[in-house]
């Protein structure tokens, strides 16, 4: 900054001297006459300066292989760091989720254990109740079976308009049990009537209730193998409970199979006898 100011001051002095000489030639003559020369004049000389030619701009140089490798390594490192940071955030998020799930799982495990305990207790109660129900059903069935032991059913008796079912039944019983003092049967038949709704083309069975169990057993005994009943397509049968009927239906195929094999087989109540061996439906 100081050099620039000095150059400007020197230049101004030179211009002033030159202007004076041009405007006043006498002065120039006087200077020559007095033996002065231009070289002897006190003129401030300008300092030497470096050339001010602008530096030529360099063209854009291509990066070296080493620089390219460094740039690639730097970019890869930055990307790896970015991915690592993202992965770290994801891992933390997953860890938090896993911790939350762990708590939920532990809670659910406790709930499952509680439910299992409740189910076990409920199963025990249900098993107990089922056992009690089975026993009660057996008792009810036994009571019903005992009550029905005074009854017989008669199948195949043709229906007639205005019929007296009880009188017709007594006549049939007298006929099949006449050799067993069956004349008094009219006083030993309590109730006799058709069962079920009347349907066209279908003969309803007749249920007979005797006043004495012994009379019922006598008629039942005489009905087996009776030619009188076979000739008229009549048949006496036991008055079974619903459960005993179901048991018979299950046992009958086994009885038929045993008979085909030459074994002695028949059904008594709800029990099958095959070669003197009892076979029950639910055993």
C-alpha atoms as a PDB file:
ATOM      1  CA  UNK A   1       0.000   0.000   0.000  1.00  0.00           C
ATOM      2  CA  UNK A   2       2.906   2.424   0.899  1.00  0.00           C
ATOM      3  CA  UNK A   3       4.803   1.668  -2.390  1.00  0.00           C
ATOM      4  CA  UNK A   4       1.736   2.533  -4.407  1.00  0.00           C
ATOM      5  CA  UNK A   5       1.382   5.905  -2.664  1.00  0.00           C
ATOM      6  CA  UNK A   6       5.124   6.730  -3.243  1.00  0.00           C
ATOM      7  CA  UNK A   7       4.821   5.924  -6.935  1.00  0.00           C
ATOM      8  CA  UNK A   8       1.833   8.246  -7.274  1.00  0.00           C
ATOM      9  CA  UNK A   9       3.680  11.137  -5.528  1.00  0.00           C
ATOM     10  CA  UNK A  10       6.791  10.724  -7.771  1.00  0.00           C
ATOM     11  CA  UNK A  11       4.688  10.655 -10.881  1.00  0.00           C
ATOM     12  CA  UNK A  12       2.930  13.878  -9.823  1.00  0.00           C
ATOM     13  CA  UNK A  13       6.266  15.674  -9.298  1.00  0.00           C
ATOM     14  CA  UNK A  14       7.519  14.621 -12.745  1.00  0.00           C
ATOM     15  CA  UNK A  15       4.403  15.878 -14.397  1.00  0.00           C
ATOM     16  CA  UNK A  16       4.687  19.222 -12.592  1.00  0.00           C
ATOM     17  CA  UNK A  17       8.337  19.773 -13.657  1.00  0.00           C
ATOM     18  CA  UNK A  18       7.674  18.802 -17.248  1.00  0.00           C
ATOM     19  CA  UNK A  19       4.690  21.140 -17.435  1.00  0.00           C
ATOM     20  CA  UNK A  20       6.715  24.055 -16.082  1.00  0.00           C
ATOM     21  CA  UNK A  21       9.437  23.606 -18.656  1.00  0.00           C
ATOM     22  CA  UNK A  22       7.008  23.400 -21.513  1.00  0.00           C
ATOM     23  CA  UNK A  23       5.134  26.524 -20.432  1.00  0.00           C
ATOM     24  CA  UNK A  24       8.296  28.570 -19.850  1.00  0.00           C
ATOM     25  CA  UNK A  25      11.099  27.836 -22.401  1.00  0.00           C
ATOM     26  CA  UNK A  26      13.249  30.505 -20.809  1.00  0.00           C
ATOM     27  CA  UNK A  27      13.513  28.462 -17.761  1.00  0.00           C
ATOM     28  CA  UNK A  28      14.735  25.590 -19.886  1.00  0.00           C
ATOM     29  CA  UNK A  29      17.267  27.937 -21.510  1.00  0.00           C
ATOM     30  CA  UNK A  30      18.377  29.241 -18.160  1.00  0.00           C
ATOM     31  CA  UNK A  31      18.883  25.790 -16.954  1.00  0.00           C
ATOM     32  CA  UNK A  32      21.051  25.047 -19.979  1.00  0.00           C
ATOM     33  CA  UNK A  33      22.974  28.326 -19.649  1.00  0.00           C
ATOM     34  CA  UNK A  34      23.687  27.873 -16.074  1.00  0.00           C
ATOM     35  CA  UNK A  35      25.352  24.556 -16.923  1.00  0.00           C
ATOM     36  CA  UNK A  36      22.664  22.436 -15.438  1.00  0.00           C
ATOM     37  CA  UNK A  37      21.619  19.262 -17.139  1.00  0.00           C
ATOM     38  CA  UNK A  38      18.436  17.271 -16.879  1.00  0.00           C
ATOM     39  CA  UNK A  39      20.397  14.590 -15.284  1.00  0.00           C
ATOM     40  CA  UNK A  40      21.560  17.007 -12.590  1.00  0.00           C
ATOM     41  CA  UNK A  41      18.068  18.084 -11.759  1.00  0.00           C
ATOM     42  CA  UNK A  42      16.789  16.734  -8.466  1.00  0.00           C
ATOM     43  CA  UNK A  43      14.134  14.371  -9.759  1.00  0.00           C
ATOM     44  CA  UNK A  44      12.823  11.591  -7.651  1.00  0.00           C
ATOM     45  CA  UNK A  45      13.266   8.323  -9.437  1.00  0.00           C
ATOM     46  CA  UNK A  46      10.558   5.615  -9.356  1.00  0.00           C
ATOM     47  CA  UNK A  47      11.509   2.396  -7.654  1.00  0.00           C
ATOM     48  CA  UNK A  48      11.843  -0.736  -9.669  1.00  0.00           C
ATOM     49  CA  UNK A  49       8.756  -2.902  -9.574  1.00  0.00           C
ATOM     50  CA  UNK A  50       8.019  -6.448 -10.570  1.00  0.00           C
ATOM     51  CA  UNK A  51       6.267  -7.002 -13.852  1.00  0.00           C
ATOM     52  CA  UNK A  52       2.530  -6.719 -13.557  1.00  0.00           C
ATOM     53  CA  UNK A  53       1.688  -9.226 -16.290  1.00  0.00           C
ATOM     54  CA  UNK A  54      -1.196 -11.424 -14.995  1.00  0.00           C
ATOM     55  CA  UNK A  55      -0.400 -15.029 -14.273  1.00  0.00           C
ATOM     56  CA  UNK A  56      -1.792 -17.400 -16.834  1.00  0.00           C
ATOM     57  CA  UNK A  57      -4.587 -19.611 -15.347  1.00  0.00           C
ATOM     58  CA  UNK A  58      -3.801 -23.261 -15.111  1.00  0.00           C
ATOM     59  CA  UNK A  59      -6.197 -25.743 -16.707  1.00  0.00           C
ATOM     60  CA  UNK A  60      -8.235 -28.194 -14.546  1.00  0.00           C
ATOM     61  CA  UNK A  61      -6.031 -31.159 -13.726  1.00  0.00           C
ATOM     62  CA  UNK A  62      -7.328 -34.748 -13.521  1.00  0.00           C
ATOM     63  CA  UNK A  63      -7.193 -36.380 -10.038  1.00  0.00           C
ATOM     64  CA  UNK A  64      -4.571 -39.005  -9.537  1.00  0.00           C
ATOM     65  CA  UNK A  65      -5.330 -42.676  -8.857  1.00  0.00           C
ATOM     66  CA  UNK A  66      -4.322 -42.213  -5.251  1.00  0.00           C
ATOM     67  CA  UNK A  67      -6.743 -39.309  -4.881  1.00  0.00           C
ATOM     68  CA  UNK A  68      -9.528 -41.341  -6.488  1.00  0.00           C
ATOM     69  CA  UNK A  69      -8.850 -44.228  -4.125  1.00  0.00           C
ATOM     70  CA  UNK A  70      -8.850 -41.868  -1.167  1.00  0.00           C
ATOM     71  CA  UNK A  71     -12.154 -40.344  -2.306  1.00  0.00           C
ATOM     72  CA  UNK A  72     -13.722 -43.789  -2.760  1.00  0.00           C
ATOM     73  CA  UNK A  73     -12.514 -44.933   0.643  1.00  0.00           C
ATOM     74  CA  UNK A  74     -13.843 -41.724   2.200  1.00  0.00           C
ATOM     75  CA  UNK A  75     -17.270 -42.096   0.535  1.00  0.00           C
ATOM     76  CA  UNK A  76     -17.492 -45.783   1.476  1.00  0.00           C
ATOM     77  CA  UNK A  77     -16.505 -44.971   5.040  1.00  0.00           C
ATOM     78  CA  UNK A  78     -19.140 -42.239   5.226  1.00  0.00           C
ATOM     79  CA  UNK A  79     -21.784 -44.592   3.808  1.00  0.00           C
ATOM     80  CA  UNK A  80     -20.761 -47.360   6.181  1.00  0.00           C
ATOM     81  CA  UNK A  81     -20.960 -44.968   9.100  1.00  0.00           C
ATOM     82  CA  UNK A  82     -24.393 -43.805   7.951  1.00  0.00           C
ATOM     83  CA  UNK A  83     -25.578 -47.408   7.592  1.00  0.00           C
ATOM     84  CA  UNK A  84     -24.035 -48.333  10.930  1.00  0.00           C
ATOM     85  CA  UNK A  85     -25.864 -45.473  12.626  1.00  0.00           C
ATOM     86  CA  UNK A  86     -29.124 -46.502  10.956  1.00  0.00           C
ATOM     87  CA  UNK A  87     -28.528 -50.136  11.915  1.00  0.00           C
ATOM     88  CA  UNK A  88     -27.776 -49.133  15.495  1.00  0.00           C
ATOM     89  CA  UNK A  89     -31.071 -47.226  15.682  1.00  0.00           C
ATOM     90  CA  UNK A  90     -32.901 -50.207  14.210  1.00  0.00           C
ATOM     91  CA  UNK A  91     -31.242 -52.599  16.656  1.00  0.00           C
ATOM     92  CA  UNK A  92     -32.200 -50.374  19.563  1.00  0.00           C
ATOM     93  CA  UNK A  93     -35.763 -50.168  18.307  1.00  0.00           C
ATOM     94  CA  UNK A  94     -35.908 -53.951  17.899  1.00  0.00           C
ATOM     95  CA  UNK A  95     -34.398 -54.436  21.337  1.00  0.00           C
ATOM     96  CA  UNK A  96     -37.088 -52.217  22.833  1.00  0.00           C
ATOM     97  CA  UNK A  97     -39.764 -54.153  20.930  1.00  0.00           C
ATOM     98  CA  UNK A  98     -38.314 -57.475  22.075  1.00  0.00           C
ATOM     99  CA  UNK A  99     -38.272 -56.276  25.656  1.00  0.00           C
ATOM    100  CA  UNK A 100     -41.891 -55.212  25.336  1.00  0.00           C
ATOM    101  CA  UNK A 101     -42.801 -58.550  23.753  1.00  0.00           C
ATOM    102  CA  UNK A 102     -40.934 -60.355  26.503  1.00  0.00           C
ATOM    103  CA  UNK A 103     -43.062 -58.606  29.098  1.00  0.00           C
ATOM    104  CA  UNK A 104     -46.227 -59.420  27.167  1.00  0.00           C
ATOM    105  CA  UNK A 105     -45.124 -63.041  26.755  1.00  0.00           C
ATOM    106  CA  UNK A 106     -44.440 -63.415  30.450  1.00  0.00           C
ATOM    107  CA  UNK A 107     -47.849 -61.944  31.223  1.00  0.00           C
ATOM    108  CA  UNK A 108     -49.525 -64.281  28.734  1.00  0.00           C
ATOM    109  CA  UNK A 109     -47.600 -67.248  30.135  1.00  0.00           C
ATOM    110  CA  UNK A 110     -48.941 -66.469  33.589  1.00  0.00           C
ATOM    111  CA  UNK A 111     -52.437 -66.104  32.169  1.00  0.00           C
ATOM    112  CA  UNK A 112     -52.090 -69.442  30.350  1.00  0.00           C
ATOM    113  CA  UNK A 113     -50.969 -71.137  33.545  1.00  0.00           C
ATOM    114  CA  UNK A 114     -53.942 -69.630  35.347  1.00  0.00           C
ATOM    115  CA  UNK A 115     -56.300 -70.779  32.590  1.00  0.00           C
ATOM    116  CA  UNK A 116     -54.739 -74.257  32.655  1.00  0.00           C
ATOM    117  CA  UNK A 117     -55.336 -74.456  36.376  1.00  0.00           C
ATOM    118  CA  UNK A 118     -58.936 -73.352  35.874  1.00  0.00           C
ATOM    119  CA  UNK A 119     -59.401 -75.876  33.061  1.00  0.00           C
ATOM    120  CA  UNK A 120     -57.942 -78.669  35.186  1.00  0.00           C
ATOM    121  CA  UNK A 121     -60.255 -77.771  38.034  1.00  0.00           C
ATOM    122  CA  UNK A 122     -63.220 -77.491  35.661  1.00  0.00           C
ATOM    123  CA  UNK A 123     -62.354 -80.885  34.130  1.00  0.00           C
ATOM    124  CA  UNK A 124     -62.275 -82.457  37.558  1.00  0.00           C
ATOM    125  CA  UNK A 125     -65.654 -80.929  38.367  1.00  0.00           C
ATOM    126  CA  UNK A 126     -67.054 -82.024  34.982  1.00  0.00           C
ATOM    127  CA  UNK A 127     -65.732 -85.566  35.437  1.00  0.00           C
ATOM    128  CA  UNK A 128     -67.312 -85.670  38.864  1.00  0.00           C
ATOM    129  CA  UNK A 129     -70.622 -84.382  37.520  1.00  0.00           C
ATOM    130  CA  UNK A 130     -70.517 -86.804  34.581  1.00  0.00           C
ATOM    131  CA  UNK A 131     -69.956 -89.668  36.991  1.00  0.00           C
ATOM    132  CA  UNK A 132     -72.855 -88.487  39.113  1.00  0.00           C
ATOM    133  CA  UNK A 133     -75.067 -88.067  36.040  1.00  0.00           C
ATOM    134  CA  UNK A 134     -74.182 -91.568  34.839  1.00  0.00           C
ATOM    135  CA  UNK A 135     -75.054 -93.030  38.212  1.00  0.00           C
ATOM    136  CA  UNK A 136     -78.309 -91.083  38.332  1.00  0.00           C
ATOM    137  CA  UNK A 137     -79.197 -92.210  34.800  1.00  0.00           C
ATOM    138  CA  UNK A 138     -78.537 -95.805  35.807  1.00  0.00           C
ATOM    139  CA  UNK A 139     -80.737 -95.398  38.874  1.00  0.00           C
ATOM    140  CA  UNK A 140     -83.534 -93.799  36.859  1.00  0.00           C
ATOM    141  CA  UNK A 141     -83.250 -96.499  34.207  1.00  0.00           C
ATOM    142  CA  UNK A 142     -83.312 -99.209  36.865  1.00  0.00           C
ATOM    143  CA  UNK A 143     -86.406 -97.683  38.482  1.00  0.00           C
ATOM    144  CA  UNK A 144     -88.126 -97.409  35.104  1.00  0.00           C
ATOM    145  CA  UNK A 145     -87.067-100.944  34.213  1.00  0.00           C
ATOM    146  CA  UNK A 146     -88.454-102.244  37.519  1.00  0.00           C
ATOM    147  CA  UNK A 147     -91.730-100.395  36.936  1.00  0.00           C
ATOM    148  CA  UNK A 148     -92.015-101.892  33.433  1.00  0.00           C
ATOM    149  CA  UNK A 149     -91.534-105.440  34.691  1.00  0.00           C
ATOM    150  CA  UNK A 150     -95.314-105.591  35.303  1.00  0.00           C
ATOM    151  CA  UNK A 151     -95.906-104.862  31.624  1.00  0.00           C
ATOM    152  CA  UNK A 152     -95.896-106.756  28.328  1.00  0.00           C
ATOM    153  CA  UNK A 153     -96.381-105.547  24.785  1.00  0.00           C
ATOM    154  CA  UNK A 154     -98.478-107.322  22.170  1.00  0.00           C
ATOM    155  CA  UNK A 155     -97.605-106.788  18.498  1.00  0.00           C
ATOM    156  CA  UNK A 156     -99.688-107.651  15.411  1.00  0.00           C
ATOM    157  CA  UNK A 157    -103.195-107.421  16.909  1.00  0.00           C
ATOM    158  CA  UNK A 158    -105.306-105.974  14.095  1.00  0.00           C
ATOM    159  CA  UNK A 159    -107.158-102.790  14.980  1.00  0.00           C
ATOM    160  CA  UNK A 160    -110.958-102.780  14.867  1.00  0.00           C
ATOM    161  CA  UNK A 161    -113.491 -99.962  15.090  1.00  0.00           C
ATOM    162  CA  UNK A 162    -114.983 -99.668  18.578  1.00  0.00           C
ATOM    163  CA  UNK A 163    -112.803-102.495  19.875  1.00  0.00           C
ATOM    164  CA  UNK A 164    -112.440-103.346  23.561  1.00  0.00           C
ATOM    165  CA  UNK A 165    -108.700-103.869  23.667  1.00  0.00           C
ATOM    166  CA  UNK A 166    -108.658-105.156  27.244  1.00  0.00           C
ATOM    167  CA  UNK A 167    -111.216-107.925  26.547  1.00  0.00           C
ATOM    168  CA  UNK A 168    -109.378-109.020  23.393  1.00  0.00           C
ATOM    169  CA  UNK A 169    -106.082-109.162  25.300  1.00  0.00           C
ATOM    170  CA  UNK A 170    -107.612-111.177  28.155  1.00  0.00           C
ATOM    171  CA  UNK A 171    -109.002-113.721  25.670  1.00  0.00           C
ATOM    172  CA  UNK A 172    -105.572-114.137  24.053  1.00  0.00           C
ATOM    173  CA  UNK A 173    -103.852-114.533  27.437  1.00  0.00           C
ATOM    174  CA  UNK A 174    -106.412-117.130  28.543  1.00  0.00           C
ATOM    175  CA  UNK A 175    -105.837-119.106  25.381  1.00  0.00           C
ATOM    176  CA  UNK A 176    -102.048-119.291  25.631  1.00  0.00           C
ATOM    177  CA  UNK A 177    -102.035-119.874  29.421  1.00  0.00           C
ATOM    178  CA  UNK A 178    -105.054-122.176  29.736  1.00  0.00           C
ATOM    179  CA  UNK A 179    -102.893-125.012  30.996  1.00  0.00           C
ATOM    180  CA  UNK A 180    -101.418-122.750  33.664  1.00  0.00           C
ATOM    181  CA  UNK A 181    -104.658-121.792  35.381  1.00  0.00           C
ATOM    182  CA  UNK A 182    -105.182-118.805  33.092  1.00  0.00           C
ATOM    183  CA  UNK A 183    -108.924-118.610  33.693  1.00  0.00           C
ATOM    184  CA  UNK A 184    -108.486-115.964  36.364  1.00  0.00           C
ATOM    185  CA  UNK A 185    -106.576-113.609  34.044  1.00  0.00           C
ATOM    186  CA  UNK A 186    -109.559-111.320  33.619  1.00  0.00           C
ATOM    187  CA  UNK A 187    -109.001-110.115  37.164  1.00  0.00           C
ATOM    188  CA  UNK A 188    -105.253-109.842  36.792  1.00  0.00           C
ATOM    189  CA  UNK A 189    -105.070-107.504  33.789  1.00  0.00           C
ATOM    190  CA  UNK A 190    -105.059-103.959  35.131  1.00  0.00           C
ATOM    191  CA  UNK A 191    -104.735-101.761  32.018  1.00  0.00           C
ATOM    192  CA  UNK A 192    -104.507-102.499  28.298  1.00  0.00           C
ATOM    193  CA  UNK A 193    -104.506 -99.982  25.427  1.00  0.00           C
ATOM    194  CA  UNK A 194    -102.918 -99.068  22.117  1.00  0.00           C
ATOM    195  CA  UNK A 195     -99.740 -96.936  22.151  1.00  0.00           C
ATOM    196  CA  UNK A 196     -98.797 -94.204  19.702  1.00  0.00           C
ATOM    197  CA  UNK A 197    -100.829 -92.258  17.174  1.00  0.00           C
ATOM    198  CA  UNK A 198    -103.068 -94.070  14.722  1.00  0.00           C
ATOM    199  CA  UNK A 199    -101.655 -94.210  11.190  1.00  0.00           C
ATOM    200  CA  UNK A 200    -103.168 -95.604   8.036  1.00  0.00           C
ATOM    201  CA  UNK A 201    -101.782 -99.009   7.080  1.00  0.00           C
ATOM    202  CA  UNK A 202     -99.929 -99.466  10.366  1.00  0.00           C
ATOM    203  CA  UNK A 203    -101.059-101.579  13.325  1.00  0.00           C
ATOM    204  CA  UNK A 204    -100.224-100.061  16.686  1.00  0.00           C
ATOM    205  CA  UNK A 205     -98.837-102.204  19.488  1.00  0.00           C
ATOM    206  CA  UNK A 206    -100.804-102.897  22.681  1.00  0.00           C
ATOM    207  CA  UNK A 207     -99.337-102.408  26.148  1.00  0.00           C
ATOM    208  CA  UNK A 208    -100.638-104.607  28.953  1.00  0.00           C
ATOM    209  CA  UNK A 209    -100.121-103.952  32.646  1.00  0.00           C
ATOM    210  CA  UNK A 210    -100.801-106.832  35.026  1.00  0.00           C
ATOM    211  CA  UNK A 211    -101.786-106.509  38.664  1.00  0.00           C
ATOM    212  CA  UNK A 212     -99.301-109.208  39.665  1.00  0.00           C
ATOM    213  CA  UNK A 213     -95.746-109.673  38.555  1.00  0.00           C
ATOM    214  CA  UNK A 214     -96.224-113.440  38.695  1.00  0.00           C
ATOM    215  CA  UNK A 215     -99.128-113.264  36.221  1.00  0.00           C
ATOM    216  CA  UNK A 216     -97.062-111.218  33.825  1.00  0.00           C
ATOM    217  CA  UNK A 217     -94.184-113.737  34.043  1.00  0.00           C
ATOM    218  CA  UNK A 218     -96.636-116.617  33.454  1.00  0.00           C
ATOM    219  CA  UNK A 219     -98.030-115.071  30.263  1.00  0.00           C
ATOM    220  CA  UNK A 220     -94.513-114.210  29.082  1.00  0.00           C
ATOM    221  CA  UNK A 221     -93.400-117.803  29.654  1.00  0.00           C
ATOM    222  CA  UNK A 222     -96.392-119.310  27.837  1.00  0.00           C
ATOM    223  CA  UNK A 223     -96.044-116.896  24.893  1.00  0.00           C
ATOM    224  CA  UNK A 224     -92.628-118.277  23.972  1.00  0.00           C
ATOM    225  CA  UNK A 225     -93.083-120.889  21.266  1.00  0.00           C
ATOM    226  CA  UNK A 226     -96.913-120.587  21.266  1.00  0.00           C
ATOM    227  CA  UNK A 227     -98.456-122.053  18.086  1.00  0.00           C
ATOM    228  CA  UNK A 228    -101.581-119.967  18.690  1.00  0.00           C
ATOM    229  CA  UNK A 229     -99.587-116.737  18.459  1.00  0.00           C
ATOM    230  CA  UNK A 230     -97.539-117.910  15.471  1.00  0.00           C
ATOM    231  CA  UNK A 231    -100.658-118.880  13.551  1.00  0.00           C
ATOM    232  CA  UNK A 232    -102.168-115.413  14.031  1.00  0.00           C
ATOM    233  CA  UNK A 233     -98.841-113.562  13.558  1.00  0.00           C
ATOM    234  CA  UNK A 234     -99.014-112.229  17.083  1.00  0.00           C
ATOM    235  CA  UNK A 235     -96.003-111.632  19.297  1.00  0.00           C
ATOM    236  CA  UNK A 236     -95.474-110.700  22.932  1.00  0.00           C
ATOM    237  CA  UNK A 237     -92.482-108.613  23.926  1.00  0.00           C
ATOM    238  CA  UNK A 238     -90.972-107.001  26.994  1.00  0.00           C
ATOM    239  CA  UNK A 239     -91.721-103.360  27.760  1.00  0.00           C
ATOM    240  CA  UNK A 240     -88.140-102.079  27.647  1.00  0.00           C
ATOM    241  CA  UNK A 241     -86.750 -98.685  28.593  1.00  0.00           C
ATOM    242  CA  UNK A 242     -85.203 -96.462  25.918  1.00  0.00           C
ATOM    243  CA  UNK A 243     -81.707 -97.232  27.164  1.00  0.00           C
ATOM    244  CA  UNK A 244     -82.364-100.989  27.167  1.00  0.00           C
ATOM    245  CA  UNK A 245     -83.687-100.760  23.599  1.00  0.00           C
ATOM    246  CA  UNK A 246     -80.516 -98.991  22.549  1.00  0.00           C
ATOM    247  CA  UNK A 247     -78.419-101.674  24.248  1.00  0.00           C
ATOM    248  CA  UNK A 248     -80.343-104.435  22.467  1.00  0.00           C
ATOM    249  CA  UNK A 249     -79.851-102.784  19.084  1.00  0.00           C
ATOM    250  CA  UNK A 250     -76.105-102.704  19.739  1.00  0.00           C
ATOM    251  CA  UNK A 251     -75.972-106.311  20.964  1.00  0.00           C
ATOM    252  CA  UNK A 252     -78.159-107.909  18.308  1.00  0.00           C
ATOM    253  CA  UNK A 253     -75.465-108.070  15.554  1.00  0.00           C
ATOM    254  CA  UNK A 254     -73.170-109.937  17.977  1.00  0.00           C
ATOM    255  CA  UNK A 255     -75.960-112.400  18.821  1.00  0.00           C
ATOM    256  CA  UNK A 256     -76.671-113.058  15.128  1.00  0.00           C
ATOM    257  CA  UNK A 257     -72.982-113.596  14.423  1.00  0.00           C
ATOM    258  CA  UNK A 258     -72.665-116.029  17.361  1.00  0.00           C
ATOM    259  CA  UNK A 259     -75.686-118.019  16.177  1.00  0.00           C
ATOM    260  CA  UNK A 260     -74.219-118.352  12.673  1.00  0.00           C
ATOM    261  CA  UNK A 261     -71.063-119.710  14.286  1.00  0.00           C
ATOM    262  CA  UNK A 262     -73.139-122.363  16.042  1.00  0.00           C
ATOM    263  CA  UNK A 263     -73.012-120.761  19.476  1.00  0.00           C
ATOM    264  CA  UNK A 264     -75.939-120.517  21.818  1.00  0.00           C
ATOM    265  CA  UNK A 265     -76.849-116.838  21.984  1.00  0.00           C
ATOM    266  CA  UNK A 266     -79.862-114.818  23.101  1.00  0.00           C
ATOM    267  CA  UNK A 267     -80.738-111.524  24.815  1.00  0.00           C
ATOM    268  CA  UNK A 268     -82.248-111.071  28.263  1.00  0.00           C
ATOM    269  CA  UNK A 269     -83.301-107.529  29.028  1.00  0.00           C
ATOM    270  CA  UNK A 270     -80.300-105.395  28.064  1.00  0.00           C
ATOM    271  CA  UNK A 271     -77.732-108.214  28.308  1.00  0.00           C
ATOM    272  CA  UNK A 272     -76.695-110.730  25.655  1.00  0.00           C
ATOM    273  CA  UNK A 273     -75.841-114.306  26.637  1.00  0.00           C
ATOM    274  CA  UNK A 274     -73.362-116.003  24.312  1.00  0.00           C
ATOM    275  CA  UNK A 275     -72.348-119.518  25.374  1.00  0.00           C
ATOM    276  CA  UNK A 276     -73.430-118.684  28.936  1.00  0.00           C
ATOM    277  CA  UNK A 277     -71.249-115.571  28.959  1.00  0.00           C
ATOM    278  CA  UNK A 278     -72.753-112.127  29.595  1.00  0.00           C
ATOM    279  CA  UNK A 279     -72.042-109.455  26.985  1.00  0.00           C
ATOM    280  CA  UNK A 280     -73.073-105.864  27.669  1.00  0.00           C
ATOM    281  CA  UNK A 281     -73.391-103.071  25.134  1.00  0.00           C
ATOM    282  CA  UNK A 282     -71.101-100.520  26.816  1.00  0.00           C
ATOM    283  CA  UNK A 283     -68.310-102.783  28.036  1.00  0.00           C
END
